[in-house]
N, C-alpha and C. Protein backbone atom coordinates (compact mmCIF):
# COMPACT_ATOMS: atom_id res chain seq x y z
N MET A 1 3.90 18.29 1.09
CA MET A 1 3.68 17.02 -0.32
C MET A 1 5.04 17.08 -0.80
N ARG A 2 5.21 16.40 -1.06
CA ARG A 2 6.71 16.91 -2.03
C ARG A 2 6.53 15.42 -3.23
N VAL A 3 6.45 15.93 -4.37
CA VAL A 3 5.72 15.46 -5.82
C VAL A 3 7.47 15.37 -6.87
N ILE A 4 7.48 14.32 -7.33
CA ILE A 4 8.76 13.72 -7.84
C ILE A 4 8.14 13.68 -9.36
N VAL A 5 8.43 13.80 -10.35
CA VAL A 5 8.16 14.02 -12.00
C VAL A 5 9.52 12.69 -12.55
N GLU A 6 8.86 11.39 -12.92
CA GLU A 6 9.82 10.76 -13.96
C GLU A 6 9.18 10.54 -15.30
N SER A 7 9.44 9.68 -16.24
CA SER A 7 9.24 9.56 -17.01
C SER A 7 7.87 8.57 -17.34
N ASN A 8 8.85 7.47 -16.42
CA ASN A 8 7.67 6.04 -16.23
C ASN A 8 8.08 5.06 -14.48
N ALA A 9 7.32 4.31 -14.53
CA ALA A 9 7.19 3.75 -13.47
C ALA A 9 9.02 3.11 -12.91
N GLU A 10 9.16 2.99 -13.70
CA GLU A 10 11.02 2.75 -13.99
C GLU A 10 12.07 3.14 -13.17
N ASP A 11 11.81 4.43 -13.86
CA ASP A 11 12.29 5.68 -13.21
C ASP A 11 12.23 5.78 -11.94
N VAL A 12 10.92 5.81 -10.90
CA VAL A 12 10.59 6.76 -10.25
C VAL A 12 10.74 5.71 -9.51
N ALA A 13 11.07 4.25 -9.35
CA ALA A 13 11.14 3.13 -8.16
C ALA A 13 11.64 3.77 -7.27
N PRO A 14 13.07 4.31 -7.76
CA PRO A 14 14.28 3.87 -6.77
C PRO A 14 14.21 5.13 -5.65
N THR A 15 13.56 6.21 -6.46
CA THR A 15 13.04 7.68 -5.52
C THR A 15 12.15 7.29 -4.59
N SER A 16 11.08 6.63 -5.15
CA SER A 16 10.43 6.26 -4.33
C SER A 16 10.79 5.41 -3.55
N ALA A 17 11.09 4.29 -3.01
CA ALA A 17 11.92 3.17 -2.50
C ALA A 17 12.88 4.30 -1.19
N THR A 18 13.66 4.65 -1.91
CA THR A 18 14.44 5.54 -1.15
C THR A 18 13.37 6.54 0.10
N LEU A 19 12.70 7.14 -0.25
CA LEU A 19 11.65 8.08 0.67
C LEU A 19 10.86 7.43 1.33
N VAL A 20 11.04 5.82 0.92
CA VAL A 20 9.85 4.95 1.68
C VAL A 20 11.26 4.33 3.01
N LEU A 21 12.57 4.40 2.45
CA LEU A 21 13.44 3.70 3.63
C LEU A 21 13.94 5.17 4.55
N GLU A 22 13.96 6.73 4.42
CA GLU A 22 13.45 7.24 4.75
C GLU A 22 12.45 7.42 6.06
N ARG A 23 11.93 7.81 5.72
CA ARG A 23 10.75 7.54 6.33
C ARG A 23 11.12 6.89 7.63
N VAL A 24 10.79 5.02 7.17
CA VAL A 24 11.32 4.11 8.24
C VAL A 24 12.18 4.51 9.06
N ALA A 25 13.55 5.12 8.29
CA ALA A 25 14.45 5.40 9.23
C ALA A 25 14.20 6.61 10.41
N GLN A 26 13.34 7.04 9.89
CA GLN A 26 12.59 8.57 10.79
C GLN A 26 11.55 7.93 11.96
N ASN A 27 10.71 7.23 11.48
CA ASN A 27 9.83 6.44 12.01
C ASN A 27 9.79 5.19 12.00
N PRO A 28 10.82 4.01 12.41
CA PRO A 28 10.67 2.91 12.44
C PRO A 28 8.77 1.91 13.28
N GLY A 29 7.74 2.82 13.41
CA GLY A 29 6.79 2.56 13.66
C GLY A 29 5.57 2.65 12.74
N LEU A 30 6.49 3.34 11.55
CA LEU A 30 5.37 4.13 10.51
C LEU A 30 4.03 3.00 10.63
N VAL A 31 3.29 3.71 9.88
CA VAL A 31 1.85 3.01 9.29
C VAL A 31 1.86 3.10 7.74
N LEU A 32 2.07 2.40 7.19
CA LEU A 32 2.07 2.82 5.17
C LEU A 32 1.50 2.24 4.55
N GLY A 33 0.55 3.14 4.01
CA GLY A 33 -0.38 2.34 3.17
C GLY A 33 0.28 1.76 1.97
N THR A 34 -0.30 0.56 1.69
CA THR A 34 0.01 0.13 0.19
C THR A 34 -1.16 -0.34 -0.95
N ALA A 35 0.05 0.05 -2.03
CA ALA A 35 -1.07 -0.50 -3.14
C ALA A 35 -0.04 -1.52 -4.01
N THR A 36 -1.07 -1.55 -5.55
CA THR A 36 -0.71 -3.13 -6.55
C THR A 36 -0.53 -2.31 -7.22
N GLY A 37 -0.36 -3.28 -8.09
CA GLY A 37 0.02 -2.96 -9.96
C GLY A 37 1.64 -2.72 -10.20
N ARG A 38 1.44 -2.62 -11.47
CA ARG A 38 2.45 -2.38 -12.07
C ARG A 38 3.64 -0.94 -11.92
N THR A 39 3.20 0.08 -10.83
CA THR A 39 4.34 0.56 -10.42
C THR A 39 5.06 0.32 -9.79
N MET A 40 3.74 -0.10 -8.63
CA MET A 40 4.72 -1.10 -7.19
C MET A 40 5.62 -2.06 -7.28
N ARG A 41 5.11 -2.93 -8.24
CA ARG A 41 6.54 -4.07 -8.31
C ARG A 41 8.16 -3.90 -8.40
N GLY A 42 8.16 -2.42 -8.80
CA GLY A 42 9.70 -1.66 -9.17
C GLY A 42 9.61 -1.09 -7.78
N VAL A 43 8.86 -0.80 -6.98
CA VAL A 43 8.97 0.57 -5.96
C VAL A 43 9.45 -1.34 -5.09
N TYR A 44 8.28 -1.80 -4.93
CA TYR A 44 9.15 -2.39 -3.64
C TYR A 44 10.04 -3.57 -3.97
N SER A 45 10.33 -4.06 -5.06
CA SER A 45 11.86 -4.41 -5.59
C SER A 45 12.96 -3.62 -4.94
N TRP A 46 12.63 -2.63 -5.04
CA TRP A 46 13.63 -1.29 -5.06
C TRP A 46 13.51 -1.27 -3.11
N CYS A 47 12.71 -1.44 -2.32
CA CYS A 47 12.68 -1.18 -1.38
C CYS A 47 13.33 -2.08 -0.98
N ALA A 48 13.31 -3.39 -0.35
CA ALA A 48 13.95 -4.95 -0.25
C ALA A 48 15.43 -4.98 -0.57
N GLU A 49 15.83 -4.18 -1.66
CA GLU A 49 16.82 -4.32 -2.05
C GLU A 49 17.67 -2.89 -1.24
N LEU A 50 17.37 -1.90 -0.71
CA LEU A 50 17.66 -0.78 -0.30
C LEU A 50 17.99 -1.37 1.56
N HIS A 51 16.64 -2.10 1.50
CA HIS A 51 16.47 -2.25 2.72
C HIS A 51 17.90 -3.55 3.42
N ARG A 52 17.94 -4.25 2.28
CA ARG A 52 19.45 -4.90 2.37
C ARG A 52 20.40 -4.13 3.02
N GLU A 53 21.00 -3.46 1.93
CA GLU A 53 21.97 -2.76 1.97
C GLU A 53 21.81 -1.65 2.75
N ARG A 54 21.33 -0.80 3.23
CA ARG A 54 21.17 -0.06 4.72
C ARG A 54 20.95 -0.44 5.96
N ALA A 55 20.19 -1.68 5.65
CA ALA A 55 20.05 -2.08 7.53
C ALA A 55 18.69 -1.46 8.29
N VAL A 56 18.44 -0.74 7.15
CA VAL A 56 16.76 -0.16 7.53
C VAL A 56 15.46 -1.10 7.79
N SER A 57 15.50 -0.98 9.52
CA SER A 57 14.44 -2.41 9.87
C SER A 57 13.05 -1.73 9.07
N PHE A 58 12.22 -3.31 9.14
CA PHE A 58 10.74 -3.06 9.19
C PHE A 58 9.82 -3.66 10.37
N ARG A 59 10.60 -4.17 10.57
CA ARG A 59 10.38 -4.72 11.51
C ARG A 59 8.90 -4.57 12.09
N ARG A 60 8.53 -2.87 12.73
CA ARG A 60 7.46 -2.35 13.80
C ARG A 60 7.12 -1.87 12.36
N VAL A 61 7.46 -1.53 11.18
CA VAL A 61 6.23 -1.03 10.22
C VAL A 61 4.81 -1.46 10.20
N VAL A 62 3.58 -1.06 10.04
CA VAL A 62 2.51 -1.73 10.21
C VAL A 62 1.81 -0.92 8.59
N VAL A 63 1.31 -2.02 7.89
CA VAL A 63 1.01 -2.05 6.78
C VAL A 63 -0.56 -2.62 6.24
N PHE A 64 -0.76 -1.24 5.76
CA PHE A 64 -2.55 -1.61 5.11
C PHE A 64 -2.44 -1.10 3.66
N ASN A 65 -2.70 -2.27 3.17
CA ASN A 65 -3.10 -2.42 1.99
C ASN A 65 -4.26 -0.94 1.69
N LEU A 66 -4.69 -0.29 -0.16
CA LEU A 66 -5.24 0.74 -0.42
C LEU A 66 -6.31 -0.13 -0.64
N ASP A 67 -6.99 -1.25 -0.93
CA ASP A 67 -7.83 -1.32 -1.50
C ASP A 67 -7.93 -3.44 -1.64
N GLY A 68 -8.83 -4.10 -2.06
CA GLY A 68 -8.71 -5.39 -2.34
C GLY A 68 -10.63 -5.43 -3.13
N TYR A 69 -10.68 -6.54 -3.61
CA TYR A 69 -11.24 -6.94 -4.62
C TYR A 69 -12.53 -7.75 -3.93
N VAL A 70 -13.65 -7.21 -4.15
CA VAL A 70 -14.87 -8.75 -3.45
C VAL A 70 -15.13 -9.29 -3.57
N GLY A 71 -15.18 -10.64 -2.80
CA GLY A 71 -15.26 -11.92 -3.67
C GLY A 71 -13.85 -12.64 -4.11
N VAL A 72 -12.72 -12.04 -3.32
CA VAL A 72 -11.05 -12.29 -3.50
C VAL A 72 -10.79 -12.95 -2.41
N GLY A 73 -10.46 -13.85 -2.23
CA GLY A 73 -9.26 -14.20 -0.68
C GLY A 73 -8.37 -13.38 -0.27
N GLN A 74 -7.82 -13.37 0.66
CA GLN A 74 -6.55 -13.34 0.70
C GLN A 74 -5.21 -14.02 0.47
N ASP A 75 -6.41 -15.32 0.03
CA ASP A 75 -5.01 -16.23 -0.20
C ASP A 75 -4.83 -16.17 -1.39
N HIS A 76 -6.06 -15.62 -2.10
CA HIS A 76 -5.94 -16.18 -3.78
C HIS A 76 -4.79 -15.48 -4.37
N GLU A 77 -3.87 -16.07 -5.43
CA GLU A 77 -2.70 -16.10 -5.86
C GLU A 77 -2.36 -14.08 -6.44
N ARG A 78 -3.52 -13.71 -7.04
CA ARG A 78 -4.02 -12.62 -7.60
C ARG A 78 -4.76 -11.52 -6.85
N SER A 79 -4.63 -11.99 -5.20
CA SER A 79 -5.29 -11.00 -4.51
C SER A 79 -4.20 -9.69 -4.25
N PHE A 80 -4.59 -8.80 -3.39
CA PHE A 80 -3.81 -7.74 -3.61
C PHE A 80 -3.25 -8.03 -2.33
N HIS A 81 -4.00 -8.87 -1.24
CA HIS A 81 -3.13 -9.11 -0.46
C HIS A 81 -2.29 -9.64 -0.64
N ALA A 82 -2.00 -10.65 -1.45
CA ALA A 82 -0.88 -12.00 -1.80
C ALA A 82 0.28 -10.59 -2.72
N PHE A 83 -0.47 -9.45 -3.91
CA PHE A 83 1.00 -8.92 -4.19
C PHE A 83 1.85 -8.58 -3.43
N VAL A 84 0.85 -7.88 -2.17
CA VAL A 84 1.48 -6.59 -0.79
C VAL A 84 2.69 -8.03 -0.23
N ARG A 85 2.41 -9.06 0.32
CA ARG A 85 2.87 -10.57 1.04
C ARG A 85 3.95 -10.68 0.03
N ASP A 86 4.21 -11.43 -0.75
CA ASP A 86 4.89 -11.58 -1.62
C ASP A 86 6.29 -10.39 -1.79
N ARG A 87 5.98 -9.45 -2.33
CA ARG A 87 6.12 -8.15 -3.25
C ARG A 87 7.14 -7.12 -1.62
N LEU A 88 6.90 -7.31 -0.67
CA LEU A 88 7.11 -6.14 0.03
C LEU A 88 7.30 -7.16 1.59
N VAL A 89 6.15 -7.52 2.57
CA VAL A 89 6.59 -8.18 2.99
C VAL A 89 7.10 -9.00 3.31
N GLU A 90 7.34 -10.02 2.86
CA GLU A 90 8.20 -11.31 3.36
C GLU A 90 9.60 -10.61 2.10
N THR A 91 9.98 -9.99 1.59
CA THR A 91 11.39 -9.23 1.14
C THR A 91 12.16 -8.81 2.11
N MET A 92 11.24 -8.85 3.38
CA MET A 92 11.69 -7.52 4.43
C MET A 92 11.41 -8.49 6.14
N ASP A 93 12.27 -7.49 6.96
CA ASP A 93 12.05 -8.33 8.00
C ASP A 93 10.88 -8.06 9.31
N MET A 94 9.94 -7.91 8.31
CA MET A 94 8.07 -7.54 8.45
C MET A 94 7.55 -8.96 8.80
N PRO A 95 6.93 -8.90 10.55
CA PRO A 95 6.10 -10.34 10.97
C PRO A 95 4.62 -10.67 9.60
N SER A 96 4.26 -11.31 9.62
CA SER A 96 3.06 -11.12 8.44
C SER A 96 2.26 -10.47 9.20
N ALA A 97 1.66 -10.25 10.05
CA ALA A 97 0.70 -10.11 11.01
C ALA A 97 0.86 -8.25 11.00
N ALA A 98 2.08 -7.28 10.38
CA ALA A 98 1.96 -6.41 10.12
C ALA A 98 1.35 -5.99 8.73
N LEU A 99 0.67 -6.97 7.97
CA LEU A 99 0.03 -6.60 6.65
C LEU A 99 -1.25 -6.93 7.15
N ASN A 100 -2.07 -5.93 6.63
CA ASN A 100 -3.43 -5.58 6.61
C ASN A 100 -4.84 -5.67 5.49
N ALA A 101 -5.44 -5.95 5.39
CA ALA A 101 -6.68 -5.54 4.16
C ALA A 101 -7.97 -5.88 4.36
N PRO A 102 -8.56 -5.45 3.36
CA PRO A 102 -10.09 -5.58 3.48
C PRO A 102 -9.65 -6.87 3.47
N ASP A 103 -10.85 -7.89 3.94
CA ASP A 103 -11.39 -9.34 3.42
C ASP A 103 -12.86 -9.20 2.69
N GLY A 104 -11.62 -9.60 0.82
CA GLY A 104 -12.97 -9.76 0.18
C GLY A 104 -13.95 -10.62 0.42
N LEU A 105 -13.53 -10.94 1.27
CA LEU A 105 -14.95 -12.88 1.56
C LEU A 105 -16.11 -12.69 2.76
N ALA A 106 -15.84 -11.25 3.00
CA ALA A 106 -16.47 -10.43 4.23
C ALA A 106 -18.52 -11.32 3.88
N PRO A 107 -19.23 -10.82 4.25
CA PRO A 107 -20.59 -11.19 3.94
C PRO A 107 -20.85 -9.73 3.82
N ASP A 108 -20.19 -8.74 4.38
CA ASP A 108 -21.08 -7.52 4.26
C ASP A 108 -20.12 -6.77 3.86
N PRO A 109 -19.68 -6.51 2.72
CA PRO A 109 -18.83 -5.23 1.97
C PRO A 109 -18.61 -3.97 3.27
N ALA A 110 -20.31 -3.57 2.85
CA ALA A 110 -19.84 -2.25 3.86
C ALA A 110 -19.75 -2.71 5.03
N GLU A 111 -19.61 -3.23 6.03
CA GLU A 111 -19.73 -3.50 7.47
C GLU A 111 -18.13 -3.74 7.30
N GLU A 112 -17.24 -4.57 6.58
CA GLU A 112 -15.91 -4.79 6.07
C GLU A 112 -14.93 -3.57 5.88
N ALA A 113 -15.87 -2.50 5.37
CA ALA A 113 -15.35 -1.32 4.95
C ALA A 113 -15.07 -0.36 5.98
N SER A 114 -16.43 -0.56 6.97
CA SER A 114 -16.51 -0.12 8.18
C SER A 114 -15.33 -0.74 9.44
N ARG A 115 -15.18 -1.86 9.16
CA ARG A 115 -13.95 -2.45 10.21
C ARG A 115 -13.07 -1.91 9.80
N TYR A 116 -12.21 -1.87 8.50
CA TYR A 116 -10.91 -1.70 7.79
C TYR A 116 -10.70 -0.14 8.33
N GLU A 117 -11.75 0.54 7.76
CA GLU A 117 -11.34 2.08 8.17
C GLU A 117 -10.80 2.24 9.82
N GLY A 118 -11.76 1.71 10.55
CA GLY A 118 -11.29 1.20 12.03
C GLY A 118 -10.04 1.11 12.57
N ALA A 119 -9.50 0.22 11.66
CA ALA A 119 -8.77 -0.17 12.41
C ALA A 119 -7.27 0.75 11.97
N ILE A 120 -7.83 0.89 10.50
CA ILE A 120 -6.40 2.30 10.38
C ILE A 120 -6.35 3.43 11.17
N GLU A 121 -7.70 3.94 11.81
CA GLU A 121 -7.97 4.56 12.82
C GLU A 121 -7.24 4.67 13.79
N ALA A 122 -7.46 2.76 14.15
CA ALA A 122 -6.51 2.63 16.13
C ALA A 122 -5.29 2.62 15.46
N ALA A 123 -4.82 2.32 13.91
CA ALA A 123 -3.57 2.67 14.36
C ALA A 123 -2.29 3.83 13.83
N GLY A 124 -3.69 4.90 13.87
CA GLY A 124 -3.15 6.33 14.25
C GLY A 124 -3.01 6.53 12.65
N ASP A 125 -3.92 5.99 11.86
CA ASP A 125 -3.89 6.51 10.73
C ASP A 125 -2.61 6.45 9.73
N ILE A 126 -2.79 6.19 8.16
CA ILE A 126 -1.75 6.33 7.32
C ILE A 126 -0.61 7.18 7.86
N ASP A 127 0.66 6.77 8.16
CA ASP A 127 1.75 8.24 7.20
C ASP A 127 1.80 8.29 6.33
N LEU A 128 2.20 7.50 5.60
CA LEU A 128 2.70 7.53 3.85
C LEU A 128 2.43 6.43 3.16
N GLN A 129 1.26 6.67 2.11
CA GLN A 129 0.20 6.29 1.46
C GLN A 129 1.27 6.45 -0.26
N LEU A 130 1.41 4.83 -0.70
CA LEU A 130 1.90 4.57 -1.55
C LEU A 130 0.44 4.11 -2.87
N LEU A 131 0.61 5.30 -4.16
CA LEU A 131 0.21 5.26 -4.80
C LEU A 131 0.28 5.14 -6.21
N GLY A 132 -0.49 4.14 -7.02
CA GLY A 132 -0.12 3.67 -8.57
C GLY A 132 -0.60 4.82 -9.06
N ILE A 133 -0.14 5.30 -10.39
CA ILE A 133 -0.67 6.90 -11.20
C ILE A 133 -1.02 6.03 -12.56
N GLY A 134 -1.93 5.75 -13.41
CA GLY A 134 -2.24 4.48 -14.84
C GLY A 134 -1.90 5.48 -15.66
N ARG A 135 -1.68 4.92 -17.11
CA ARG A 135 -1.42 5.65 -18.39
C ARG A 135 -2.47 6.42 -18.61
N ASN A 136 -3.50 6.19 -18.05
CA ASN A 136 -4.56 7.02 -18.56
C ASN A 136 -5.02 8.24 -17.33
N GLY A 137 -4.11 8.05 -16.15
CA GLY A 137 -3.77 9.41 -15.52
C GLY A 137 -4.64 9.07 -14.43
N TYR A 138 -5.19 8.02 -13.99
CA TYR A 138 -5.67 7.30 -12.87
C TYR A 138 -4.93 7.74 -11.52
N LEU A 139 -5.25 8.05 -10.43
CA LEU A 139 -4.54 7.65 -9.30
C LEU A 139 -4.88 6.88 -8.16
N GLY A 140 -4.29 5.86 -7.62
CA GLY A 140 -4.90 5.25 -6.86
C GLY A 140 -6.50 4.46 -7.46
N PHE A 141 -7.01 3.83 -8.45
CA PHE A 141 -8.55 3.84 -8.63
C PHE A 141 -8.80 4.87 -8.69
N ASN A 142 -8.41 6.12 -8.76
CA ASN A 142 -9.74 7.51 -8.82
C ASN A 142 -9.24 7.44 -10.03
N GLU A 143 -10.25 7.34 -11.31
CA GLU A 143 -10.16 7.32 -12.69
C GLU A 143 -10.43 9.28 -12.90
N PRO A 144 -9.53 9.78 -13.93
CA PRO A 144 -9.68 10.63 -14.41
C PRO A 144 -11.22 11.55 -14.10
N GLY A 145 -11.62 12.73 -13.76
CA GLY A 145 -12.98 12.88 -13.69
C GLY A 145 -13.57 12.83 -12.45
N ALA A 146 -13.17 11.69 -11.39
CA ALA A 146 -13.72 11.24 -10.20
C ALA A 146 -13.58 12.17 -9.21
N SER A 147 -14.55 12.23 -8.10
CA SER A 147 -14.31 12.90 -7.00
C SER A 147 -13.03 12.64 -6.40
N LEU A 148 -11.95 13.40 -5.98
CA LEU A 148 -10.66 13.54 -5.06
C LEU A 148 -11.33 13.30 -4.11
N THR A 149 -13.01 14.10 -3.28
CA THR A 149 -13.14 14.00 -2.11
C THR A 149 -14.59 13.07 -2.23
N GLY A 150 -14.79 12.09 -2.88
CA GLY A 150 -15.94 11.05 -2.82
C GLY A 150 -15.17 9.89 -1.95
N ARG A 151 -16.50 9.14 -1.38
CA ARG A 151 -16.11 8.19 -0.24
C ARG A 151 -16.54 7.10 -0.56
N GLY A 152 -17.45 7.37 -2.06
CA GLY A 152 -17.79 5.07 -2.10
C GLY A 152 -19.44 5.76 -2.00
N PRO A 153 -20.62 4.70 -2.34
CA PRO A 153 -21.35 4.55 -2.35
C PRO A 153 -21.79 4.02 -1.30
N TRP A 154 -21.06 3.70 -0.31
CA TRP A 154 -21.75 2.94 1.19
C TRP A 154 -21.35 4.27 2.39
N ARG A 155 -21.06 5.39 1.91
CA ARG A 155 -21.20 6.20 3.48
C ARG A 155 -22.06 6.87 3.09
N ARG A 156 -22.74 7.38 3.16
CA ARG A 156 -24.47 8.24 3.36
C ARG A 156 -23.97 9.48 4.33
């Protein structure tokens, strides 16, 4: 594991994007876990810029969103799916089918979570996961004090 310490999201974005491109260059079929939010805006922008500058292809990269909201469809402009599609997938040479996200409109959220987890396993699991760090110290929706090993109430 490599830890990078910077003072804010803008400072860490170029370094994070460089690391993503290095990993894709090493493994063109990388399974990339993506996040959304303020931290990721700069990272994805830098990824697109470096992709063009360095001609690193993302054509075989498979993307799995970290999360989504129940009740929000993937086509909704504020969905996490739309965020990653618009800021990452469509800015590179990735096919739209490369983007996977949980279906927020699925009738059974627990069943959808299980299906989604199975899709990640079938892809070979996540090779590289991007996460945002919030002002209060949260890491990818894990609020301070939450268990880092917890799986949620749907996992019994």
